[in-house]
Amino acid sequence: MANEGRLKVRVYTSQAELPVEGATVVVTQSGKAGKYTLLSVQISDSSGLVRPIEISTPASNESTSPNQNGAAFALCNVWAEHPGYAMLQVEGVQIFPGVETLQDMELIPLAEGQSSLQQRDIRQMTAQAL
């Protein structure tokens, strides 16, 4: 579809980029009045991947003239968690029409006795100037 982009998420750990199987991956979008819309909840496979997610975007012709939100792309938030790792939340992932976006999620191992809910990493993506 012309007004959709795809999001692929890859969950891994360490500089060796070892896949994390069984991680919960959640994708949301900000809605009206501060509410969120749930787009996807999946579990990563043995390669650390989830199935691609189709996300509605502004029309391609709006990329030369930003939409009412001042952006020619859709924004979503992605978080991933797995027992034994700090939860990672990435806000403001940009999805462009007709493009497949890959979001890498590097999970950091926790010290013994720590919970992923106690230790989390939140990253805010900066919008691209078009």
N, C-alpha and C. Protein backbone atom coordinates (compact mmCIF):
# COMPACT_ATOMS: atom_id res chain seq x y z
N MET A 1 0.84 -1.19 0.00
CA MET A 1 0.00 0.00 0.00
C MET A 1 0.88 1.24 0.00
N ALA A 2 0.43 2.27 -0.73
CA ALA A 2 1.20 3.50 -0.85
C ALA A 2 1.23 4.28 0.46
N ASN A 3 0.19 4.19 1.28
CA ASN A 3 0.13 4.95 2.52
C ASN A 3 0.45 4.08 3.73
N GLU A 4 1.31 3.11 3.51
CA GLU A 4 1.77 2.27 4.62
C GLU A 4 3.26 2.07 4.52
N GLY A 5 3.87 1.96 5.68
CA GLY A 5 5.26 1.58 5.77
C GLY A 5 5.33 0.31 6.60
N ARG A 6 6.48 -0.33 6.61
CA ARG A 6 6.65 -1.56 7.38
C ARG A 6 7.74 -1.36 8.42
N LEU A 7 7.52 -1.94 9.57
CA LEU A 7 8.50 -1.90 10.64
C LEU A 7 8.96 -3.31 10.95
N LYS A 8 10.27 -3.53 10.88
CA LYS A 8 10.87 -4.79 11.31
C LYS A 8 11.64 -4.49 12.58
N VAL A 9 11.56 -5.39 13.55
CA VAL A 9 12.25 -5.22 14.82
C VAL A 9 13.17 -6.41 15.03
N ARG A 10 14.41 -6.12 15.43
CA ARG A 10 15.41 -7.15 15.70
C ARG A 10 15.92 -6.97 17.11
N VAL A 11 15.81 -8.01 17.94
CA VAL A 11 16.23 -7.96 19.34
C VAL A 11 17.50 -8.78 19.48
N TYR A 12 18.53 -8.17 20.08
CA TYR A 12 19.80 -8.87 20.26
C TYR A 12 20.48 -8.38 21.52
N THR A 13 21.60 -9.01 21.87
CA THR A 13 22.39 -8.59 23.02
C THR A 13 23.86 -8.64 22.66
N SER A 14 24.64 -7.84 23.29
CA SER A 14 26.11 -7.73 23.19
C SER A 14 26.58 -7.18 21.84
N GLN A 15 27.83 -6.79 21.81
CA GLN A 15 28.42 -6.26 20.58
C GLN A 15 28.48 -7.33 19.49
N ALA A 16 28.42 -8.59 19.88
CA ALA A 16 28.40 -9.68 18.90
C ALA A 16 27.02 -9.81 18.25
N GLU A 17 26.05 -9.02 18.72
CA GLU A 17 24.68 -9.02 18.21
C GLU A 17 24.05 -10.41 18.22
N LEU A 18 24.11 -11.05 19.38
CA LEU A 18 23.51 -12.37 19.56
C LEU A 18 21.99 -12.22 19.66
N PRO A 19 21.22 -12.94 18.84
CA PRO A 19 19.76 -12.81 18.87
C PRO A 19 19.19 -13.20 20.24
N VAL A 20 18.13 -12.50 20.64
CA VAL A 20 17.42 -12.83 21.87
C VAL A 20 16.08 -13.44 21.47
N GLU A 21 15.94 -14.73 21.71
CA GLU A 21 14.70 -15.43 21.41
C GLU A 21 13.75 -15.30 22.59
N GLY A 22 12.46 -15.13 22.32
CA GLY A 22 11.45 -15.09 23.37
C GLY A 22 11.26 -13.73 24.01
N ALA A 23 11.81 -12.68 23.41
CA ALA A 23 11.60 -11.33 23.94
C ALA A 23 10.20 -10.85 23.54
N THR A 24 9.54 -10.15 24.43
CA THR A 24 8.26 -9.53 24.12
C THR A 24 8.53 -8.19 23.46
N VAL A 25 7.93 -7.97 22.29
CA VAL A 25 8.11 -6.72 21.54
C VAL A 25 6.73 -6.10 21.36
N VAL A 26 6.60 -4.84 21.81
CA VAL A 26 5.34 -4.12 21.74
C VAL A 26 5.54 -2.87 20.89
N VAL A 27 4.60 -2.60 19.98
CA VAL A 27 4.65 -1.40 19.14
C VAL A 27 3.35 -0.63 19.37
N THR A 28 3.49 0.67 19.68
CA THR A 28 2.33 1.53 19.92
C THR A 28 2.48 2.83 19.13
N GLN A 29 1.37 3.56 19.01
CA GLN A 29 1.39 4.90 18.45
C GLN A 29 0.63 5.81 19.41
N SER A 30 1.11 7.05 19.52
CA SER A 30 0.40 8.04 20.34
C SER A 30 -0.88 8.42 19.63
N GLY A 31 -1.93 8.50 20.42
CA GLY A 31 -3.23 8.87 19.87
C GLY A 31 -3.68 10.20 20.42
N LYS A 32 -4.96 10.45 20.30
CA LYS A 32 -5.54 11.69 20.79
C LYS A 32 -5.64 11.66 22.31
N ALA A 33 -5.54 12.83 22.91
CA ALA A 33 -5.70 13.00 24.35
C ALA A 33 -4.71 12.16 25.15
N GLY A 34 -3.51 11.94 24.59
CA GLY A 34 -2.47 11.24 25.33
C GLY A 34 -2.64 9.74 25.42
N LYS A 35 -3.62 9.19 24.72
CA LYS A 35 -3.83 7.74 24.74
C LYS A 35 -2.96 7.09 23.67
N TYR A 36 -2.65 5.82 23.89
CA TYR A 36 -1.84 5.06 22.94
C TYR A 36 -2.69 4.02 22.24
N THR A 37 -2.34 3.75 20.97
CA THR A 37 -2.97 2.70 20.20
C THR A 37 -1.98 1.55 20.10
N LEU A 38 -2.41 0.37 20.49
CA LEU A 38 -1.57 -0.82 20.40
C LEU A 38 -1.59 -1.33 18.97
N LEU A 39 -0.41 -1.40 18.34
CA LEU A 39 -0.30 -1.87 16.96
C LEU A 39 0.12 -3.33 16.87
N SER A 40 0.95 -3.78 17.82
CA SER A 40 1.46 -5.15 17.73
C SER A 40 2.05 -5.59 19.07
N VAL A 41 1.84 -6.86 19.39
CA VAL A 41 2.53 -7.54 20.50
C VAL A 41 3.00 -8.87 19.93
N GLN A 42 4.32 -9.09 19.94
CA GLN A 42 4.86 -10.32 19.38
C GLN A 42 6.01 -10.82 20.24
N ILE A 43 6.39 -12.06 20.00
CA ILE A 43 7.54 -12.68 20.66
C ILE A 43 8.62 -12.91 19.61
N SER A 44 9.85 -12.52 19.92
CA SER A 44 10.94 -12.68 18.94
C SER A 44 11.26 -14.16 18.72
N ASP A 45 11.64 -14.48 17.49
CA ASP A 45 11.97 -15.85 17.13
C ASP A 45 13.45 -16.14 17.43
N SER A 46 13.94 -17.29 16.99
CA SER A 46 15.33 -17.69 17.27
C SER A 46 16.35 -16.77 16.62
N SER A 47 15.92 -15.97 15.65
CA SER A 47 16.81 -14.99 15.02
C SER A 47 16.70 -13.61 15.67
N GLY A 48 15.84 -13.50 16.71
CA GLY A 48 15.63 -12.23 17.38
C GLY A 48 14.67 -11.31 16.64
N LEU A 49 13.97 -11.83 15.63
CA LEU A 49 13.09 -11.03 14.79
C LEU A 49 11.62 -11.27 15.13
N VAL A 50 10.79 -10.26 14.80
CA VAL A 50 9.34 -10.43 14.84
C VAL A 50 8.84 -10.20 13.41
N ARG A 51 7.61 -10.65 13.14
CA ARG A 51 7.02 -10.43 11.82
C ARG A 51 6.90 -8.93 11.56
N PRO A 52 7.12 -8.49 10.31
CA PRO A 52 6.99 -7.06 9.99
C PRO A 52 5.58 -6.55 10.31
N ILE A 53 5.50 -5.30 10.72
CA ILE A 53 4.25 -4.67 11.11
C ILE A 53 3.92 -3.58 10.09
N GLU A 54 2.72 -3.62 9.53
CA GLU A 54 2.26 -2.59 8.59
C GLU A 54 1.72 -1.42 9.41
N ILE A 55 2.20 -0.21 9.09
CA ILE A 55 1.81 0.99 9.84
C ILE A 55 1.34 2.05 8.85
N SER A 56 0.16 2.63 9.10
CA SER A 56 -0.36 3.70 8.24
C SER A 56 0.55 4.92 8.33
N THR A 57 0.77 5.55 7.17
CA THR A 57 1.64 6.73 7.08
C THR A 57 0.93 7.81 6.28
N PRO A 58 1.44 9.04 6.33
CA PRO A 58 0.91 10.07 5.44
C PRO A 58 1.16 9.67 3.99
N ALA A 59 0.39 10.20 3.06
CA ALA A 59 0.57 9.91 1.64
C ALA A 59 1.95 10.37 1.18
N SER A 60 2.51 9.68 0.20
CA SER A 60 3.84 9.99 -0.33
C SER A 60 3.95 11.43 -0.81
N ASN A 61 2.89 11.95 -1.43
CA ASN A 61 2.96 13.32 -1.93
C ASN A 61 3.07 14.36 -0.82
N GLU A 62 2.80 13.97 0.42
CA GLU A 62 2.96 14.89 1.55
C GLU A 62 4.41 15.01 1.99
N SER A 63 5.29 14.19 1.42
CA SER A 63 6.69 14.25 1.83
C SER A 63 7.38 15.51 1.35
N THR A 64 6.78 16.22 0.39
CA THR A 64 7.35 17.51 -0.03
C THR A 64 6.70 18.66 0.72
N SER A 65 5.62 18.38 1.40
CA SER A 65 4.94 19.39 2.19
C SER A 65 4.39 18.70 3.43
N PRO A 66 5.04 18.87 4.58
CA PRO A 66 4.69 18.11 5.78
C PRO A 66 3.21 18.18 6.14
N ASN A 67 2.73 17.08 6.75
CA ASN A 67 1.32 17.01 7.13
C ASN A 67 1.04 17.95 8.31
N GLN A 68 -0.16 17.90 8.82
CA GLN A 68 -0.57 18.80 9.88
C GLN A 68 0.26 18.66 11.16
N ASN A 69 0.91 17.54 11.34
CA ASN A 69 1.77 17.35 12.51
C ASN A 69 3.19 17.82 12.24
N GLY A 70 3.44 18.35 11.06
CA GLY A 70 4.77 18.83 10.73
C GLY A 70 5.73 17.73 10.32
N ALA A 71 5.22 16.55 9.97
CA ALA A 71 6.10 15.43 9.59
C ALA A 71 5.52 14.70 8.39
N ALA A 72 6.41 14.19 7.53
CA ALA A 72 5.98 13.43 6.35
C ALA A 72 6.13 11.94 6.61
N PHE A 73 6.00 11.54 7.86
CA PHE A 73 6.15 10.14 8.27
C PHE A 73 5.28 9.90 9.49
N ALA A 74 5.02 8.64 9.78
CA ALA A 74 4.30 8.27 11.00
C ALA A 74 5.32 7.99 12.10
N LEU A 75 4.92 8.18 13.33
CA LEU A 75 5.78 7.88 14.48
C LEU A 75 5.18 6.73 15.27
N CYS A 76 6.05 5.89 15.81
CA CYS A 76 5.60 4.84 16.71
C CYS A 76 6.62 4.65 17.82
N ASN A 77 6.24 3.91 18.82
CA ASN A 77 7.11 3.59 19.95
C ASN A 77 7.27 2.08 20.00
N VAL A 78 8.49 1.63 20.31
CA VAL A 78 8.77 0.19 20.37
C VAL A 78 9.42 -0.10 21.71
N TRP A 79 8.95 -1.14 22.39
CA TRP A 79 9.69 -1.60 23.56
C TRP A 79 9.85 -3.10 23.52
N ALA A 80 10.97 -3.53 24.10
CA ALA A 80 11.28 -4.96 24.14
C ALA A 80 11.75 -5.31 25.54
N GLU A 81 11.35 -6.50 25.99
CA GLU A 81 11.80 -6.97 27.30
C GLU A 81 11.92 -8.48 27.28
N HIS A 82 12.80 -8.97 28.13
CA HIS A 82 13.02 -10.40 28.29
C HIS A 82 13.58 -10.59 29.70
N PRO A 83 13.15 -11.62 30.42
CA PRO A 83 13.71 -11.84 31.76
C PRO A 83 15.25 -11.91 31.71
N GLY A 84 15.88 -11.23 32.64
CA GLY A 84 17.33 -11.23 32.70
C GLY A 84 17.98 -10.08 31.94
N TYR A 85 17.15 -9.24 31.27
CA TYR A 85 17.66 -8.10 30.52
C TYR A 85 16.89 -6.83 30.92
N ALA A 86 17.56 -5.68 30.82
CA ALA A 86 16.89 -4.41 31.04
C ALA A 86 15.91 -4.15 29.89
N MET A 87 14.73 -3.67 30.23
CA MET A 87 13.74 -3.33 29.20
C MET A 87 14.27 -2.15 28.40
N LEU A 88 14.06 -2.17 27.09
CA LEU A 88 14.45 -1.07 26.22
C LEU A 88 13.20 -0.49 25.56
N GLN A 89 13.06 0.81 25.66
CA GLN A 89 11.94 1.51 25.04
C GLN A 89 12.51 2.58 24.11
N VAL A 90 12.09 2.55 22.83
CA VAL A 90 12.53 3.54 21.85
C VAL A 90 11.29 4.31 21.41
N GLU A 91 11.33 5.62 21.60
CA GLU A 91 10.20 6.48 21.28
C GLU A 91 10.50 7.29 20.02
N GLY A 92 9.50 7.48 19.19
CA GLY A 92 9.64 8.33 18.01
C GLY A 92 10.28 7.64 16.83
N VAL A 93 10.05 6.35 16.65
CA VAL A 93 10.57 5.63 15.48
C VAL A 93 9.79 6.12 14.26
N GLN A 94 10.51 6.52 13.21
CA GLN A 94 9.90 7.10 12.02
C GLN A 94 9.60 6.04 10.97
N ILE A 95 8.36 6.04 10.48
CA ILE A 95 7.93 5.09 9.46
C ILE A 95 7.49 5.89 8.24
N PHE A 96 8.17 5.66 7.10
CA PHE A 96 7.90 6.38 5.87
C PHE A 96 7.04 5.53 4.94
N PRO A 97 6.19 6.18 4.10
CA PRO A 97 5.34 5.42 3.18
C PRO A 97 6.17 4.64 2.17
N GLY A 98 5.82 3.35 1.99
CA GLY A 98 6.48 2.51 1.00
C GLY A 98 7.89 2.07 1.38
N VAL A 99 8.28 2.26 2.63
CA VAL A 99 9.64 1.94 3.08
C VAL A 99 9.58 0.95 4.23
N GLU A 100 10.55 0.02 4.27
CA GLU A 100 10.66 -0.90 5.41
C GLU A 100 11.74 -0.37 6.34
N THR A 101 11.37 -0.10 7.58
CA THR A 101 12.28 0.42 8.59
C THR A 101 12.70 -0.72 9.50
N LEU A 102 14.01 -0.81 9.78
CA LEU A 102 14.52 -1.82 10.72
C LEU A 102 14.89 -1.11 12.01
N GLN A 103 14.27 -1.52 13.12
CA GLN A 103 14.61 -0.98 14.43
C GLN A 103 15.35 -2.04 15.22
N ASP A 104 16.63 -1.79 15.50
CA ASP A 104 17.42 -2.69 16.33
C ASP A 104 17.16 -2.39 17.79
N MET A 105 17.02 -3.43 18.59
CA MET A 105 16.78 -3.31 20.02
C MET A 105 17.85 -4.12 20.75
N GLU A 106 18.87 -3.45 21.28
CA GLU A 106 19.94 -4.14 21.99
C GLU A 106 19.60 -4.19 23.49
N LEU A 107 19.37 -5.39 23.99
CA LEU A 107 19.05 -5.58 25.40
C LEU A 107 20.33 -5.80 26.20
N ILE A 108 20.40 -5.15 27.35
CA ILE A 108 21.57 -5.23 28.22
C ILE A 108 21.26 -6.21 29.36
N PRO A 109 22.15 -7.20 29.59
CA PRO A 109 21.91 -8.16 30.68
C PRO A 109 21.87 -7.46 32.04
N LEU A 110 21.01 -7.97 32.92
CA LEU A 110 20.88 -7.44 34.27
C LEU A 110 21.79 -8.20 35.24
N ALA A 111 22.15 -7.52 36.30
CA ALA A 111 22.87 -8.20 37.38
C ALA A 111 21.90 -9.15 38.08
N GLU A 112 22.42 -10.16 38.72
CA GLU A 112 21.59 -11.14 39.42
C GLU A 112 20.68 -10.45 40.44
N GLY A 113 19.41 -10.83 40.42
CA GLY A 113 18.45 -10.28 41.37
C GLY A 113 17.74 -9.03 40.89
N GLN A 114 18.16 -8.43 39.79
CA GLN A 114 17.48 -7.25 39.27
C GLN A 114 16.30 -7.66 38.39
N SER A 115 15.30 -6.77 38.33
CA SER A 115 14.12 -7.00 37.50
C SER A 115 14.15 -6.05 36.31
N SER A 116 13.62 -6.49 35.17
CA SER A 116 13.58 -5.63 33.99
C SER A 116 12.70 -4.41 34.22
N LEU A 117 11.76 -4.51 35.16
CA LEU A 117 10.90 -3.36 35.46
C LEU A 117 11.64 -2.33 36.32
N GLN A 118 12.65 -2.76 37.06
CA GLN A 118 13.45 -1.83 37.87
C GLN A 118 14.48 -1.12 37.01
N GLN A 119 14.96 -1.78 36.01
CA GLN A 119 16.05 -1.27 35.17
C GLN A 119 15.54 -1.17 33.74
N ARG A 120 15.39 0.05 33.23
CA ARG A 120 14.94 0.22 31.85
C ARG A 120 15.72 1.33 31.18
N ASP A 121 15.82 1.24 29.87
CA ASP A 121 16.52 2.23 29.07
C ASP A 121 15.51 2.82 28.11
N ILE A 122 15.35 4.15 28.14
CA ILE A 122 14.43 4.83 27.25
C ILE A 122 15.24 5.70 26.32
N ARG A 123 15.02 5.55 25.02
CA ARG A 123 15.72 6.35 24.01
C ARG A 123 14.70 7.09 23.17
N GLN A 124 14.95 8.36 22.96
CA GLN A 124 14.08 9.21 22.14
C GLN A 124 14.76 9.44 20.81
N MET A 125 14.09 9.09 19.71
CA MET A 125 14.63 9.31 18.37
C MET A 125 14.35 10.76 17.97
N THR A 126 15.31 11.40 17.31
CA THR A 126 15.14 12.75 16.83
C THR A 126 14.58 12.72 15.42
N ALA A 127 13.56 13.52 15.17
CA ALA A 127 12.92 13.55 13.84
C ALA A 127 13.91 14.06 12.79
N GLN A 128 13.82 13.50 11.61
CA GLN A 128 14.66 13.93 10.50
C GLN A 128 14.12 15.22 9.91
N ALA A 129 15.03 16.13 9.57
CA ALA A 129 14.63 17.35 8.88
C ALA A 129 14.48 17.03 7.39
N LEU A 130 13.30 17.20 6.86
CA LEU A 130 13.07 16.86 5.44
C LEU A 130 13.04 18.10 4.59
